[in-house]
């Protein structure tokens, strides 16, 4: 009888334990689903709100979308018939800074990732990896301050111009996106199976031949993803660019010319406009362009991810 009672107690304990674990699992699943639902709702809400505000320039004030995208005159008045509302210089400025920053960061970031993962692994893990993590944590305003106090005077003295220029913005943003490109590139290279490298060495290839004939081609989709992620951050950067680029409303003719980006014009103009005015709605329209470009970058990243071979 005692043995049966003991077995019965054990069974009840196991049953209570399994019920408790099941309830905890259900609660965990519910929390995860709620968090995912909140993220989806937040994304949809931001998209709908920014889309509504961004289209008010064309709905409420009868602005011409073609003029907005192709005109180079930016002097917003009280309505579409006064002044000019061409955003083309800022669109060109944003793309110029983004692509030039990618040209700066991509080779340095990928080379650093190769150095960390294939050439000097111990040194890379102990020294280079912490440096990259530090660069990620530096606020953008600090990059802007360094650009104003160091990069701009050097450009003014040794290259020419006023210093505040497209090239200054390119250098600052290129350094800012460098940790992103390096980190993702390093993860991509680490994910390559060791069998591929060993097979290359077994066939008599040197380390450098293995790097540029095996590793880089195999990791190329992921390396491109790293570059696109860096470009996405560069396209949306505001404060650091605003501090060094000059914020001119003209289209730059050279790297030494001052220009402006979509983000710099928004941050400069929004505090000085009345909510609901034509100028204010034009700035929301610039924000809508930024949102659309963010989605374009995300779609491109998804496309590159689908092409990964490993």
Protein backbone atom coordinates (compact mmCIF):
# COMPACT_ATOMS: atom_id res chain seq x y z
CA UNK A 1 0.00 0.00 0.00
CA UNK A 2 2.81 2.39 0.91
CA UNK A 3 4.56 1.65 -2.37
CA UNK A 4 1.37 2.31 -4.34
CA UNK A 5 0.81 5.55 -2.44
CA UNK A 6 4.38 6.62 -3.15
CA UNK A 7 4.03 5.85 -6.86
CA UNK A 8 0.74 7.74 -6.92
CA UNK A 9 2.37 10.81 -5.35
CA UNK A 10 5.19 10.68 -7.88
CA UNK A 11 2.68 10.46 -10.70
CA UNK A 12 0.79 13.49 -9.38
CA UNK A 13 4.04 15.44 -9.10
CA UNK A 14 5.06 14.55 -12.65
CA UNK A 15 1.59 15.50 -13.88
CA UNK A 16 1.71 18.84 -12.07
CA UNK A 17 5.23 19.46 -13.43
CA UNK A 18 4.19 18.69 -16.98
CA UNK A 19 1.10 20.92 -16.65
CA UNK A 20 3.26 23.73 -15.26
CA UNK A 21 5.76 23.35 -18.11
CA UNK A 22 2.92 23.36 -20.64
CA UNK A 23 1.46 26.53 -19.16
CA UNK A 24 4.89 28.20 -19.16
CA UNK A 25 5.35 27.22 -22.79
CA UNK A 26 1.95 28.64 -23.70
CA UNK A 27 2.72 31.88 -21.87
CA UNK A 28 6.08 32.14 -23.63
CA UNK A 29 4.48 31.57 -27.01
CA UNK A 30 1.82 34.18 -26.24
CA UNK A 31 4.46 36.77 -25.27
CA UNK A 32 6.47 36.08 -28.42
CA UNK A 33 3.37 36.37 -30.59
CA UNK A 34 2.36 39.63 -28.91
CA UNK A 35 5.83 41.08 -29.46
CA UNK A 36 5.77 40.04 -33.13
CA UNK A 37 2.28 41.52 -33.48
CA UNK A 38 3.42 44.81 -31.94
CA UNK A 39 6.36 45.01 -34.34
CA UNK A 40 4.09 44.39 -37.33
CA UNK A 41 1.53 46.93 -36.12
CA UNK A 42 4.27 49.50 -35.46
CA UNK A 43 5.73 49.05 -38.94
CA UNK A 44 2.33 49.33 -40.62
CA UNK A 45 1.42 52.36 -38.50
CA UNK A 46 4.64 54.20 -39.35
CA UNK A 47 4.22 53.40 -43.04
CA UNK A 48 0.59 54.52 -43.14
CA UNK A 49 1.23 57.68 -41.12
CA UNK A 50 4.28 58.73 -43.11
CA UNK A 51 2.53 57.89 -46.36
CA UNK A 52 -0.47 60.01 -45.36
CA UNK A 53 1.66 62.97 -44.27
CA UNK A 54 4.01 62.67 -47.21
CA UNK A 55 1.19 62.78 -49.75
CA UNK A 56 -0.48 65.86 -48.26
CA UNK A 57 1.80 68.11 -50.32
CA UNK A 58 0.24 66.72 -53.48
CA UNK A 59 -3.33 66.23 -52.18
CA UNK A 60 -3.99 69.28 -50.01
CA UNK A 61 -1.67 71.77 -51.75
CA UNK A 62 -1.83 70.44 -55.33
CA UNK A 63 1.95 70.17 -55.68
CA UNK A 64 3.19 68.48 -58.84
CA UNK A 65 5.00 65.19 -58.01
CA UNK A 66 7.09 65.43 -61.18
CA UNK A 67 8.21 68.95 -60.30
CA UNK A 68 8.95 67.83 -56.75
CA UNK A 69 11.22 65.03 -57.98
CA UNK A 70 12.92 66.79 -60.90
CA UNK A 71 13.15 70.50 -60.05
CA UNK A 72 16.34 71.96 -58.53
CA UNK A 73 14.78 75.07 -56.97
CA UNK A 74 14.09 74.76 -53.24
CA UNK A 75 12.42 77.89 -51.89
CA UNK A 76 9.05 76.71 -50.51
CA UNK A 77 6.34 79.33 -50.19
CA UNK A 78 2.92 79.18 -48.59
CA UNK A 79 1.56 77.03 -51.44
CA UNK A 80 2.58 75.21 -54.60
CA UNK A 81 2.30 78.32 -56.77
CA UNK A 82 4.83 80.29 -54.71
CA UNK A 83 8.57 79.68 -54.69
CA UNK A 84 9.97 76.28 -55.60
CA UNK A 85 9.84 72.83 -54.07
CA UNK A 86 12.30 70.74 -56.08
CA UNK A 87 13.91 67.93 -54.09
CA UNK A 88 16.27 66.71 -56.81
CA UNK A 89 19.44 68.27 -55.26
CA UNK A 90 18.79 66.48 -51.97
CA UNK A 91 18.02 63.17 -53.65
CA UNK A 92 21.26 63.42 -55.63
CA UNK A 93 23.15 64.47 -52.50
CA UNK A 94 21.82 61.49 -50.53
CA UNK A 95 22.70 59.00 -53.24
CA UNK A 96 26.11 60.60 -53.78
CA UNK A 97 27.01 60.37 -50.09
CA UNK A 98 25.65 56.82 -49.89
CA UNK A 99 27.50 55.38 -52.89
CA UNK A 100 30.75 57.23 -52.22
CA UNK A 101 30.68 56.14 -48.56
CA UNK A 102 30.15 52.56 -49.74
CA UNK A 103 33.17 52.91 -52.04
CA UNK A 104 35.20 53.99 -49.02
CA UNK A 105 33.88 51.42 -46.52
CA UNK A 106 33.45 48.31 -48.70
CA UNK A 107 37.10 47.54 -49.59
CA UNK A 108 38.38 48.49 -46.14
CA UNK A 109 35.63 46.57 -44.33
CA UNK A 110 35.95 43.41 -46.42
CA UNK A 111 39.75 43.49 -46.21
CA UNK A 112 39.53 43.92 -42.43
CA UNK A 113 37.10 40.99 -42.22
CA UNK A 114 39.47 38.78 -44.22
CA UNK A 115 42.36 39.83 -42.00
CA UNK A 116 40.36 39.02 -38.86
CA UNK A 117 39.11 35.64 -39.99
CA UNK A 118 41.78 34.22 -42.30
CA UNK A 119 45.14 35.90 -41.78
CA UNK A 120 45.54 36.90 -38.13
CA UNK A 121 42.69 35.26 -36.25
CA UNK A 122 44.12 35.71 -32.74
CA UNK A 123 45.08 39.34 -33.34
CA UNK A 124 41.75 40.01 -35.00
CA UNK A 125 39.74 38.57 -32.12
CA UNK A 126 41.79 40.28 -29.40
CA UNK A 127 42.43 43.68 -30.99
CA UNK A 128 40.49 44.40 -34.18
CA UNK A 129 37.13 42.99 -33.06
CA UNK A 130 36.99 45.15 -29.88
CA UNK A 131 37.95 48.23 -31.93
CA UNK A 132 35.07 47.57 -34.33
CA UNK A 133 32.67 47.14 -31.42
CA UNK A 134 33.83 50.48 -30.01
CA UNK A 135 33.25 52.18 -33.36
CA UNK A 136 29.69 50.81 -33.44
CA UNK A 137 28.92 52.37 -30.06
CA UNK A 138 30.20 55.87 -30.83
CA UNK A 139 27.28 58.33 -31.25
CA UNK A 140 26.88 59.94 -34.65
CA UNK A 141 27.30 63.43 -33.17
CA UNK A 142 30.83 62.47 -32.12
CA UNK A 143 31.64 61.50 -35.70
CA UNK A 144 30.25 64.85 -36.78
CA UNK A 145 32.36 66.74 -34.24
CA UNK A 146 35.50 64.92 -35.37
CA UNK A 147 34.59 65.70 -38.97
CA UNK A 148 34.15 69.42 -38.19
CA UNK A 149 37.33 69.77 -36.12
CA UNK A 150 39.66 67.43 -38.04
CA UNK A 151 38.45 66.46 -41.52
CA UNK A 152 36.99 69.80 -42.63
CA UNK A 153 40.16 71.83 -41.76
CA UNK A 154 42.39 69.26 -43.48
CA UNK A 155 40.31 69.41 -46.65
CA UNK A 156 40.26 73.22 -46.55
CA UNK A 157 44.03 73.48 -46.09
CA UNK A 158 45.41 70.69 -48.26
CA UNK A 159 42.75 70.01 -50.92
CA UNK A 160 40.81 73.23 -51.35
CA UNK A 161 37.37 74.71 -50.99
CA UNK A 162 35.64 75.61 -47.75
CA UNK A 163 36.13 72.17 -46.23
CA UNK A 164 32.40 71.64 -45.75
CA UNK A 165 31.77 69.50 -48.79
CA UNK A 166 30.58 66.27 -50.31
CA UNK A 167 33.94 64.62 -49.73
CA UNK A 168 33.82 65.51 -46.02
CA UNK A 169 30.40 63.91 -45.71
CA UNK A 170 31.64 60.88 -47.63
CA UNK A 171 34.60 60.33 -45.31
CA UNK A 172 32.56 60.75 -42.12
CA UNK A 173 29.74 58.46 -43.25
CA UNK A 174 32.22 55.96 -44.71
CA UNK A 175 33.87 55.62 -41.30
CA UNK A 176 30.46 55.35 -39.63
CA UNK A 177 29.30 52.42 -41.78
CA UNK A 178 32.68 50.68 -41.68
CA UNK A 179 31.88 48.63 -38.53
CA UNK A 180 28.61 47.42 -40.06
CA UNK A 181 30.31 46.27 -43.26
CA UNK A 182 33.20 44.68 -41.38
CA UNK A 183 31.07 42.79 -38.84
CA UNK A 184 28.65 41.32 -41.39
CA UNK A 185 31.51 40.47 -43.77
CA UNK A 186 33.41 38.69 -41.01
CA UNK A 187 30.33 36.61 -40.11
CA UNK A 188 29.87 35.76 -43.78
CA UNK A 189 33.44 34.55 -44.15
CA UNK A 190 33.27 32.55 -40.91
CA UNK A 191 30.17 30.74 -42.18
CA UNK A 192 32.06 29.21 -45.12
CA UNK A 193 32.55 25.46 -44.49
CA UNK A 194 36.11 24.49 -43.61
CA UNK A 195 35.89 21.67 -46.16
CA UNK A 196 35.91 24.19 -49.00
CA UNK A 197 39.09 25.81 -47.73
CA UNK A 198 40.77 22.48 -47.03
CA UNK A 199 39.91 21.24 -50.51
CA UNK A 200 41.55 24.33 -51.99
CA UNK A 201 44.69 23.82 -49.95
CA UNK A 202 44.71 20.13 -50.87
CA UNK A 203 44.80 21.08 -54.55
CA UNK A 204 47.93 23.14 -53.95
CA UNK A 205 46.42 26.62 -53.72
CA UNK A 206 48.13 29.22 -51.55
CA UNK A 207 46.32 31.13 -48.84
CA UNK A 208 45.79 34.17 -51.08
CA UNK A 209 44.59 32.02 -53.95
CA UNK A 210 42.12 30.37 -51.58
CA UNK A 211 40.92 33.77 -50.38
CA UNK A 212 40.21 35.34 -53.77
CA UNK A 213 39.25 32.20 -55.69
CA UNK A 214 37.24 30.29 -53.06
CA UNK A 215 36.33 32.37 -50.02
CA UNK A 216 35.33 35.65 -51.68
CA UNK A 217 33.25 34.03 -54.48
CA UNK A 218 31.50 31.76 -51.98
CA UNK A 219 30.73 34.61 -49.60
CA UNK A 220 29.97 37.19 -52.29
CA UNK A 221 26.16 37.37 -51.76
CA UNK A 222 26.68 37.88 -48.03
CA UNK A 223 29.42 40.45 -48.67
CA UNK A 224 27.04 42.33 -50.94
CA UNK A 225 24.45 42.17 -48.18
CA UNK A 226 26.96 43.77 -45.81
CA UNK A 227 27.56 46.60 -48.28
CA UNK A 228 23.84 47.17 -48.80
CA UNK A 229 23.24 47.28 -45.04
CA UNK A 230 25.99 49.88 -44.77
CA UNK A 231 24.43 51.89 -47.61
CA UNK A 232 21.04 51.76 -45.89
CA UNK A 233 22.55 53.29 -42.77
CA UNK A 234 24.44 55.87 -44.82
CA UNK A 235 21.27 56.90 -46.67
CA UNK A 236 19.44 57.54 -43.41
CA UNK A 237 22.26 59.27 -41.51
CA UNK A 238 21.37 62.82 -40.52
CA UNK A 239 23.30 64.61 -37.79
CA UNK A 240 26.90 63.76 -38.72
CA UNK A 241 26.27 64.54 -42.40
CA UNK A 242 24.52 67.80 -41.57
CA UNK A 243 27.55 69.00 -39.60
CA UNK A 244 30.12 68.59 -42.41
CA UNK A 245 28.37 68.65 -45.79
CA UNK A 246 27.58 72.37 -46.00
CA UNK A 247 23.80 72.02 -46.52
CA UNK A 248 23.66 73.87 -49.82
CA UNK A 249 20.52 73.49 -51.94
CA UNK A 250 22.56 73.26 -55.16
CA UNK A 251 23.53 70.08 -56.99
CA UNK A 252 27.25 69.40 -56.36
CA UNK A 253 29.50 69.61 -59.39
CA UNK A 254 32.57 68.15 -57.66
CA UNK A 255 33.59 66.46 -54.43
CA UNK A 256 34.62 69.83 -52.98
CA UNK A 257 31.20 71.42 -53.49
CA UNK A 258 28.72 71.85 -50.68
CA UNK A 259 25.47 69.96 -50.93
CA UNK A 260 22.66 68.59 -48.79
CA UNK A 261 20.89 65.30 -48.19
CA UNK A 262 17.26 64.46 -47.56
CA UNK A 263 17.95 63.92 -43.87
CA UNK A 264 19.93 67.13 -43.38
CA UNK A 265 17.20 69.26 -44.98
CA UNK A 266 14.54 67.60 -42.83
CA UNK A 267 16.45 68.12 -39.57
CA UNK A 268 17.30 71.72 -40.46
CA UNK A 269 13.85 72.70 -41.70
CA UNK A 270 11.37 70.87 -39.47
CA UNK A 271 11.88 73.02 -36.32
CA UNK A 272 11.35 76.20 -38.35
CA UNK A 273 8.07 75.28 -40.06
CA UNK A 274 4.48 75.41 -38.92
CA UNK A 275 2.74 72.07 -38.61
CA UNK A 276 0.37 71.58 -41.52
CA UNK A 277 1.95 74.26 -43.69
CA UNK A 278 3.08 73.61 -47.24
CA UNK A 279 6.76 73.71 -46.27
CA UNK A 280 6.14 71.33 -43.37
CA UNK A 281 4.31 68.86 -45.61
CA UNK A 282 7.14 69.02 -48.15
CA UNK A 283 9.54 67.89 -45.43
CA UNK A 284 7.19 64.98 -44.68
CA UNK A 285 7.32 64.18 -48.40
CA UNK A 286 11.12 64.03 -48.16
CA UNK A 287 10.68 61.63 -45.25
CA UNK A 288 8.42 59.48 -47.41
CA UNK A 289 11.21 59.22 -49.98
CA UNK A 290 13.53 58.04 -47.22
CA UNK A 291 11.00 55.41 -46.15
CA UNK A 292 10.59 54.15 -49.72
CA UNK A 293 14.35 53.91 -50.14
CA UNK A 294 14.59 51.99 -46.86
CA UNK A 295 12.13 49.45 -48.22
CA UNK A 296 14.12 49.26 -51.46
CA UNK A 297 17.30 48.47 -49.50
CA UNK A 298 15.46 45.83 -47.45
CA UNK A 299 14.05 44.17 -50.58
CA UNK A 300 17.51 44.17 -52.14
CA UNK A 301 18.98 42.59 -49.01
CA UNK A 302 16.29 39.89 -49.09
CA UNK A 303 17.10 39.24 -52.73
CA UNK A 304 20.80 38.91 -51.98
CA UNK A 305 20.04 36.62 -49.03
CA UNK A 306 18.04 34.32 -51.28
CA UNK A 307 21.08 33.96 -53.54
CA UNK A 308 23.38 32.69 -50.81
CA UNK A 309 24.93 29.38 -51.66
CA UNK A 310 26.05 28.40 -48.19
